Amino acid sequence: DVALFSAPPLARSLFHSTKIGQQIPAGLY
């Protein structure tokens, strides 16, 4: 029961700019 949220541009940006254990970039806050 973990929430799923569809946001293709955001998902792609997070996948390509971060690694596991890292905080998200400031531009995506």
PDB file of all heavy atoms in Angstrom:
ATOM      1  N   ASP A   1       0.821  -1.220   0.000  1.00  0.00           N
ATOM      2  CA  ASP A   1       0.000   0.000   0.000  1.00  0.00           C
ATOM      3  C   ASP A   1       0.851   1.265   0.000  1.00  0.00           C
ATOM      4  O   ASP A   1       0.556   2.253   0.700  1.00  0.00           O
ATOM      5  CB  ASP A   1      -0.936   0.021   1.229  1.00  0.00           C
ATOM      6  CG  ASP A   1      -1.964  -1.095   1.180  1.00  0.00           C
ATOM      7  OD1 ASP A   1      -2.372  -1.467   0.058  1.00  0.00           O
ATOM      8  OD2 ASP A   1      -2.318  -1.621   2.249  1.00  0.00           O
ATOM      9  N   VAL A   2       1.917   1.259  -0.785  1.00  0.00           N
ATOM     10  CA  VAL A   2       2.738   2.452  -0.966  1.00  0.00           C
ATOM     11  C   VAL A   2       2.179   3.216  -2.163  1.00  0.00           C
ATOM     12  O   VAL A   2       1.881   2.625  -3.210  1.00  0.00           O
ATOM     13  CB  VAL A   2       4.222   2.096  -1.206  1.00  0.00           C
ATOM     14  CG1 VAL A   2       5.053   3.359  -1.421  1.00  0.00           C
ATOM     15  CG2 VAL A   2       4.761   1.309  -0.026  1.00  0.00           C
ATOM     16  N   ALA A   3       2.045   4.508  -2.023  1.00  0.00           N
ATOM     17  CA  ALA A   3       1.410   5.327  -3.061  1.00  0.00           C
ATOM     18  C   ALA A   3       2.242   5.332  -4.337  1.00  0.00           C
ATOM     19  O   ALA A   3       3.473   5.455  -4.300  1.00  0.00           O
ATOM     20  CB  ALA A   3       1.221   6.747  -2.553  1.00  0.00           C
ATOM     21  N   LEU A   4       1.550   5.197  -5.490  1.00  0.00           N
ATOM     22  CA  LEU A   4       2.155   5.297  -6.815  1.00  0.00           C
ATOM     23  C   LEU A   4       1.696   6.599  -7.443  1.00  0.00           C
ATOM     24  O   LEU A   4       0.506   6.911  -7.437  1.00  0.00           O
ATOM     25  CB  LEU A   4       1.753   4.111  -7.691  1.00  0.00           C
ATOM     26  CG  LEU A   4       2.296   2.736  -7.275  1.00  0.00           C
ATOM     27  CD1 LEU A   4       1.596   1.638  -8.061  1.00  0.00           C
ATOM     28  CD2 LEU A   4       3.797   2.678  -7.529  1.00  0.00           C
ATOM     29  N   PHE A   5       2.644   7.333  -7.990  1.00  0.00           N
ATOM     30  CA  PHE A   5       2.300   8.601  -8.620  1.00  0.00           C
ATOM     31  C   PHE A   5       2.981   8.665  -9.973  1.00  0.00           C
ATOM     32  O   PHE A   5       4.206   8.544 -10.074  1.00  0.00           O
ATOM     33  CB  PHE A   5       2.759   9.785  -7.749  1.00  0.00           C
ATOM     34  CG  PHE A   5       2.287  11.111  -8.247  1.00  0.00           C
ATOM     35  CD1 PHE A   5       1.053  11.615  -7.862  1.00  0.00           C
ATOM     36  CD2 PHE A   5       3.059  11.862  -9.127  1.00  0.00           C
ATOM     37  CE1 PHE A   5       0.600  12.843  -8.324  1.00  0.00           C
ATOM     38  CE2 PHE A   5       2.621  13.086  -9.589  1.00  0.00           C
ATOM     39  CZ  PHE A   5       1.375  13.585  -9.195  1.00  0.00           C
ATOM     40  N   SER A   6       2.178   8.859 -11.014  1.00  0.00           N
ATOM     41  CA  SER A   6       2.694   8.894 -12.375  1.00  0.00           C
ATOM     42  C   SER A   6       3.077  10.322 -12.754  1.00  0.00           C
ATOM     43  O   SER A   6       2.222  11.216 -12.804  1.00  0.00           O
ATOM     44  CB  SER A   6       1.635   8.362 -13.354  1.00  0.00           C
ATOM     45  OG  SER A   6       2.121   8.457 -14.684  1.00  0.00           O
ATOM     46  N   ALA A   7       4.392  10.504 -13.003  1.00  0.00           N
ATOM     47  CA  ALA A   7       4.911  11.809 -13.441  1.00  0.00           C
ATOM     48  C   ALA A   7       6.129  11.533 -14.296  1.00  0.00           C
ATOM     49  O   ALA A   7       7.270  11.551 -13.798  1.00  0.00           O
ATOM     50  CB  ALA A   7       5.254  12.693 -12.255  1.00  0.00           C
ATOM     51  N   PRO A   8       5.925  11.232 -15.591  1.00  0.00           N
ATOM     52  CA  PRO A   8       7.029  10.798 -16.455  1.00  0.00           C
ATOM     53  C   PRO A   8       8.236  11.723 -16.459  1.00  0.00           C
ATOM     54  O   PRO A   8       9.372  11.245 -16.264  1.00  0.00           O
ATOM     55  CB  PRO A   8       6.368  10.710 -17.830  1.00  0.00           C
ATOM     56  CG  PRO A   8       4.936  10.413 -17.529  1.00  0.00           C
ATOM     57  CD  PRO A   8       4.628  11.169 -16.275  1.00  0.00           C
ATOM     58  N   PRO A   9       8.090  13.039 -16.661  1.00  0.00           N
ATOM     59  CA  PRO A   9       9.306  13.880 -16.662  1.00  0.00           C
ATOM     60  C   PRO A   9      10.063  13.844 -15.335  1.00  0.00           C
ATOM     61  O   PRO A   9      11.293  13.786 -15.301  1.00  0.00           O
ATOM     62  CB  PRO A   9       8.768  15.280 -16.955  1.00  0.00           C
ATOM     63  CG  PRO A   9       7.450  15.055 -17.622  1.00  0.00           C
ATOM     64  CD  PRO A   9       6.885  13.832 -16.974  1.00  0.00           C
ATOM     65  N   LEU A  10       9.304  13.867 -14.232  1.00  0.00           N
ATOM     66  CA  LEU A  10       9.936  13.841 -12.917  1.00  0.00           C
ATOM     67  C   LEU A  10      10.607  12.494 -12.665  1.00  0.00           C
ATOM     68  O   LEU A  10      11.715  12.437 -12.110  1.00  0.00           O
ATOM     69  CB  LEU A  10       8.895  14.139 -11.836  1.00  0.00           C
ATOM     70  CG  LEU A  10       9.412  14.149 -10.389  1.00  0.00           C
ATOM     71  CD1 LEU A  10      10.530  15.165 -10.215  1.00  0.00           C
ATOM     72  CD2 LEU A  10       8.260  14.430  -9.420  1.00  0.00           C
ATOM     73  N   ALA A  11       9.973  11.409 -13.046  1.00  0.00           N
ATOM     74  CA  ALA A  11      10.555  10.076 -12.853  1.00  0.00           C
ATOM     75  C   ALA A  11      11.858   9.938 -13.628  1.00  0.00           C
ATOM     76  O   ALA A  11      12.854   9.415 -13.112  1.00  0.00           O
ATOM     77  CB  ALA A  11       9.554   9.004 -13.283  1.00  0.00           C
ATOM     78  N   ARG A  12      11.848  10.391 -14.894  1.00  0.00           N
ATOM     79  CA  ARG A  12      13.074  10.306 -15.691  1.00  0.00           C
ATOM     80  C   ARG A  12      14.184  11.170 -15.105  1.00  0.00           C
ATOM     81  O   ARG A  12      15.351  10.783 -15.054  1.00  0.00           O
ATOM     82  CB  ARG A  12      12.782  10.701 -17.136  1.00  0.00           C
ATOM     83  CG  ARG A  12      11.953   9.672 -17.911  1.00  0.00           C
ATOM     84  CD  ARG A  12      11.942   9.998 -19.403  1.00  0.00           C
ATOM     85  NE  ARG A  12      11.217  11.234 -19.680  1.00  0.00           N
ATOM     86  CZ  ARG A  12       9.944  11.299 -20.046  1.00  0.00           C
ATOM     87  NH1 ARG A  12       9.235  10.173 -20.156  1.00  0.00           N
ATOM     88  NH2 ARG A  12       9.350  12.447 -20.308  1.00  0.00           N
ATOM     89  N   SER A  13      13.830  12.374 -14.669  1.00  0.00           N
ATOM     90  CA  SER A  13      14.834  13.279 -14.117  1.00  0.00           C
ATOM     91  C   SER A  13      15.449  12.714 -12.836  1.00  0.00           C
ATOM     92  O   SER A  13      16.660  12.774 -12.626  1.00  0.00           O
ATOM     93  CB  SER A  13      14.226  14.651 -13.840  1.00  0.00           C
ATOM     94  OG  SER A  13      13.750  15.229 -15.045  1.00  0.00           O
ATOM     95  N   LEU A  14      14.593  12.140 -11.961  1.00  0.00           N
ATOM     96  CA  LEU A  14      15.101  11.545 -10.727  1.00  0.00           C
ATOM     97  C   LEU A  14      15.991  10.339 -11.025  1.00  0.00           C
ATOM     98  O   LEU A  14      17.050  10.154 -10.417  1.00  0.00           O
ATOM     99  CB  LEU A  14      13.941  11.130  -9.824  1.00  0.00           C
ATOM    100  CG  LEU A  14      13.161  12.266  -9.157  1.00  0.00           C
ATOM    101  CD1 LEU A  14      11.898  11.725  -8.504  1.00  0.00           C
ATOM    102  CD2 LEU A  14      14.036  12.965  -8.116  1.00  0.00           C
ATOM    103  N   PHE A  15      15.589   9.512 -11.960  1.00  0.00           N
ATOM    104  CA  PHE A  15      16.338   8.296 -12.275  1.00  0.00           C
ATOM    105  C   PHE A  15      17.724   8.622 -12.806  1.00  0.00           C
ATOM    106  O   PHE A  15      18.713   7.967 -12.456  1.00  0.00           O
ATOM    107  CB  PHE A  15      15.559   7.457 -13.299  1.00  0.00           C
ATOM    108  CG  PHE A  15      16.240   6.169 -13.653  1.00  0.00           C
ATOM    109  CD1 PHE A  15      16.098   5.039 -12.857  1.00  0.00           C
ATOM    110  CD2 PHE A  15      17.038   6.075 -14.790  1.00  0.00           C
ATOM    111  CE1 PHE A  15      16.731   3.859 -13.188  1.00  0.00           C
ATOM    112  CE2 PHE A  15      17.666   4.895 -15.126  1.00  0.00           C
ATOM    113  CZ  PHE A  15      17.513   3.778 -14.326  1.00  0.00           C
ATOM    114  N   HIS A  16      17.820   9.619 -13.659  1.00  0.00           N
ATOM    115  CA  HIS A  16      19.102   9.926 -14.313  1.00  0.00           C
ATOM    116  C   HIS A  16      19.997  10.872 -13.496  1.00  0.00           C
ATOM    117  O   HIS A  16      21.175  11.013 -13.816  1.00  0.00           O
ATOM    118  CB  HIS A  16      18.838  10.547 -15.687  1.00  0.00           C
ATOM    119  CG  HIS A  16      18.284   9.575 -16.682  1.00  0.00           C
ATOM    120  ND1 HIS A  16      18.936   8.421 -17.056  1.00  0.00           N
ATOM    121  CD2 HIS A  16      17.105   9.595 -17.380  1.00  0.00           C
ATOM    122  CE1 HIS A  16      18.204   7.770 -17.944  1.00  0.00           C
ATOM    123  NE2 HIS A  16      17.086   8.450 -18.158  1.00  0.00           N
ATOM    124  N   SER A  17      19.455  11.506 -12.461  1.00  0.00           N
ATOM    125  CA  SER A  17      20.261  12.497 -11.728  1.00  0.00           C
ATOM    126  C   SER A  17      20.642  12.051 -10.329  1.00  0.00           C
ATOM    127  O   SER A  17      21.456  12.707  -9.678  1.00  0.00           O
ATOM    128  CB  SER A  17      19.498  13.820 -11.637  1.00  0.00           C
ATOM    129  OG  SER A  17      18.297  13.648 -10.889  1.00  0.00           O
ATOM    130  N   THR A  18      20.068  10.963  -9.847  1.00  0.00           N
ATOM    131  CA  THR A  18      20.360  10.541  -8.470  1.00  0.00           C
ATOM    132  C   THR A  18      20.672   9.050  -8.441  1.00  0.00           C
ATOM    133  O   THR A  18      20.321   8.291  -9.343  1.00  0.00           O
ATOM    134  CB  THR A  18      19.166  10.821  -7.540  1.00  0.00           C
ATOM    135  OG1 THR A  18      18.011  10.145  -8.056  1.00  0.00           O
ATOM    136  CG2 THR A  18      18.903  12.297  -7.426  1.00  0.00           C
ATOM    137  N   LYS A  19      21.332   8.673  -7.352  1.00  0.00           N
ATOM    138  CA  LYS A  19      21.606   7.264  -7.072  1.00  0.00           C
ATOM    139  C   LYS A  19      20.953   6.886  -5.756  1.00  0.00           C
ATOM    140  O   LYS A  19      20.550   7.745  -4.978  1.00  0.00           O
ATOM    141  CB  LYS A  19      23.120   7.009  -7.003  1.00  0.00           C
ATOM    142  CG  LYS A  19      23.844   7.236  -8.316  1.00  0.00           C
ATOM    143  CD  LYS A  19      25.328   6.941  -8.163  1.00  0.00           C
ATOM    144  CE  LYS A  19      26.060   7.163  -9.481  1.00  0.00           C
ATOM    145  NZ  LYS A  19      27.512   6.884  -9.378  1.00  0.00           N
ATOM    146  N   ILE A  20      20.902   5.598  -5.520  1.00  0.00           N
ATOM    147  CA  ILE A  20      20.269   5.116  -4.295  1.00  0.00           C
ATOM    148  C   ILE A  20      21.030   5.638  -3.082  1.00  0.00           C
ATOM    149  O   ILE A  20      22.253   5.560  -3.020  1.00  0.00           O
ATOM    150  CB  ILE A  20      20.221   3.580  -4.282  1.00  0.00           C
ATOM    151  CG1 ILE A  20      19.366   3.084  -5.454  1.00  0.00           C
ATOM    152  CG2 ILE A  20      19.659   3.059  -2.966  1.00  0.00           C
ATOM    153  CD1 ILE A  20      19.368   1.586  -5.624  1.00  0.00           C
ATOM    154  N   GLY A  21      20.300   6.188  -2.121  1.00  0.00           N
ATOM    155  CA  GLY A  21      20.918   6.732  -0.921  1.00  0.00           C
ATOM    156  C   GLY A  21      21.216   8.207  -1.022  1.00  0.00           C
ATOM    157  O   GLY A  21      21.567   8.834  -0.011  1.00  0.00           O
ATOM    158  N   GLN A  22      21.055   8.819  -2.195  1.00  0.00           N
ATOM    159  CA  GLN A  22      21.317  10.239  -2.373  1.00  0.00           C
ATOM    160  C   GLN A  22      20.041  11.058  -2.192  1.00  0.00           C
ATOM    161  O   GLN A  22      18.933  10.576  -2.426  1.00  0.00           O
ATOM    162  CB  GLN A  22      21.891  10.519  -3.760  1.00  0.00           C
ATOM    163  CG  GLN A  22      23.307  10.015  -3.960  1.00  0.00           C
ATOM    164  CD  GLN A  22      23.827  10.399  -5.327  1.00  0.00           C
ATOM    165  OE1 GLN A  22      23.068  10.772  -6.224  1.00  0.00           O
ATOM    166  NE2 GLN A  22      25.140  10.303  -5.500  1.00  0.00           N
ATOM    167  N   GLN A  23      20.222  12.303  -1.787  1.00  0.00           N
ATOM    168  CA  GLN A  23      19.106  13.225  -1.729  1.00  0.00           C
ATOM    169  C   GLN A  23      18.839  13.792  -3.120  1.00  0.00           C
ATOM    170  O   GLN A  23      19.736  13.860  -3.953  1.00  0.00           O
ATOM    171  CB  GLN A  23      19.403  14.354  -0.743  1.00  0.00           C
ATOM    172  CG  GLN A  23      19.549  13.881   0.696  1.00  0.00           C
ATOM    173  CD  GLN A  23      19.798  15.018   1.655  1.00  0.00           C
ATOM    174  OE1 GLN A  23      19.925  16.172   1.251  1.00  0.00           O
ATOM    175  NE2 GLN A  23      19.852  14.713   2.953  1.00  0.00           N
ATOM    176  N   ILE A  24      17.615  14.191  -3.354  1.00  0.00           N
ATOM    177  CA  ILE A  24      17.237  14.687  -4.671  1.00  0.00           C
ATOM    178  C   ILE A  24      17.928  16.019  -4.932  1.00  0.00           C
ATOM    179  O   ILE A  24      18.263  16.751  -3.990  1.00  0.00           O
ATOM    180  CB  ILE A  24      15.703  14.844  -4.790  1.00  0.00           C
ATOM    181  CG1 ILE A  24      15.206  15.920  -3.817  1.00  0.00           C
ATOM    182  CG2 ILE A  24      15.019  13.517  -4.533  1.00  0.00           C
ATOM    183  CD1 ILE A  24      13.732  16.258  -3.979  1.00  0.00           C
ATOM    184  N   PRO A  25      18.159  16.392  -6.192  1.00  0.00           N
ATOM    185  CA  PRO A  25      18.777  17.682  -6.510  1.00  0.00           C
ATOM    186  C   PRO A  25      17.893  18.843  -6.069  1.00  0.00           C
ATOM    187  O   PRO A  25      16.663  18.732  -6.002  1.00  0.00           O
ATOM    188  CB  PRO A  25      18.936  17.637  -8.031  1.00  0.00           C
ATOM    189  CG  PRO A  25      18.844  16.203  -8.401  1.00  0.00           C
ATOM    190  CD  PRO A  25      17.955  15.566  -7.398  1.00  0.00           C
ATOM    191  N   ALA A  26      18.537  19.967  -5.776  1.00  0.00           N
ATOM    192  CA  ALA A  26      17.791  21.139  -5.307  1.00  0.00           C
ATOM    193  C   ALA A  26      16.786  21.624  -6.342  1.00  0.00           C
ATOM    194  O   ALA A  26      15.716  22.144  -6.001  1.00  0.00           O
ATOM    195  CB  ALA A  26      18.771  22.265  -4.959  1.00  0.00           C
ATOM    196  N   GLY A  27      17.097  21.429  -7.637  1.00  0.00           N
ATOM    197  CA  GLY A  27      16.184  21.891  -8.673  1.00  0.00           C
ATOM    198  C   GLY A  27      14.893  21.114  -8.744  1.00  0.00           C
ATOM    199  O   GLY A  27      13.935  21.553  -9.405  1.00  0.00           O
ATOM    200  N   LEU A  28      14.829  19.951  -8.080  1.00  0.00           N
ATOM    201  CA  LEU A  28      13.608  19.132  -8.097  1.00  0.00           C
ATOM    202  C   LEU A  28      12.834  19.232  -6.792  1.00  0.00           C
ATOM    203  O   LEU A  28      11.860  18.500  -6.597  1.00  0.00           O
ATOM    204  CB  LEU A  28      13.975  17.665  -8.374  1.00  0.00           C
ATOM    205  CG  LEU A  28      14.660  17.393  -9.713  1.00  0.00           C
ATOM    206  CD1 LEU A  28      15.004  15.915  -9.847  1.00  0.00           C
ATOM    207  CD2 LEU A  28      13.775  17.830 -10.879  1.00  0.00           C
ATOM    208  N   TYR A  29      13.277  20.114  -5.888  1.00  0.00           N
ATOM    209  CA  TYR A  29      12.589  20.236  -4.600  1.00  0.00           C
ATOM    210  C   TYR A  29      11.102  20.577  -4.781  1.00  0.00           C
ATOM    211  O   TYR A  29      10.225  19.958  -4.175  1.00  0.00           O
ATOM    212  CB  TYR A  29      13.246  21.333  -3.749  1.00  0.00           C
ATOM    213  CG  TYR A  29      14.534  20.917  -3.082  1.00  0.00           C
ATOM    214  CD1 TYR A  29      15.231  21.823  -2.282  1.00  0.00           C
ATOM    215  CD2 TYR A  29      15.050  19.631  -3.230  1.00  0.00           C
ATOM    216  CE1 TYR A  29      16.415  21.466  -1.650  1.00  0.00           C
ATOM    217  CE2 TYR A  29      16.231  19.261  -2.607  1.00  0.00           C
ATOM    218  CZ  TYR A  29      16.916  20.184  -1.828  1.00  0.00           C
ATOM    219  OH  TYR A  29      18.082  19.825  -1.216  1.00  0.00           O
TER     220      TYR A  29
END
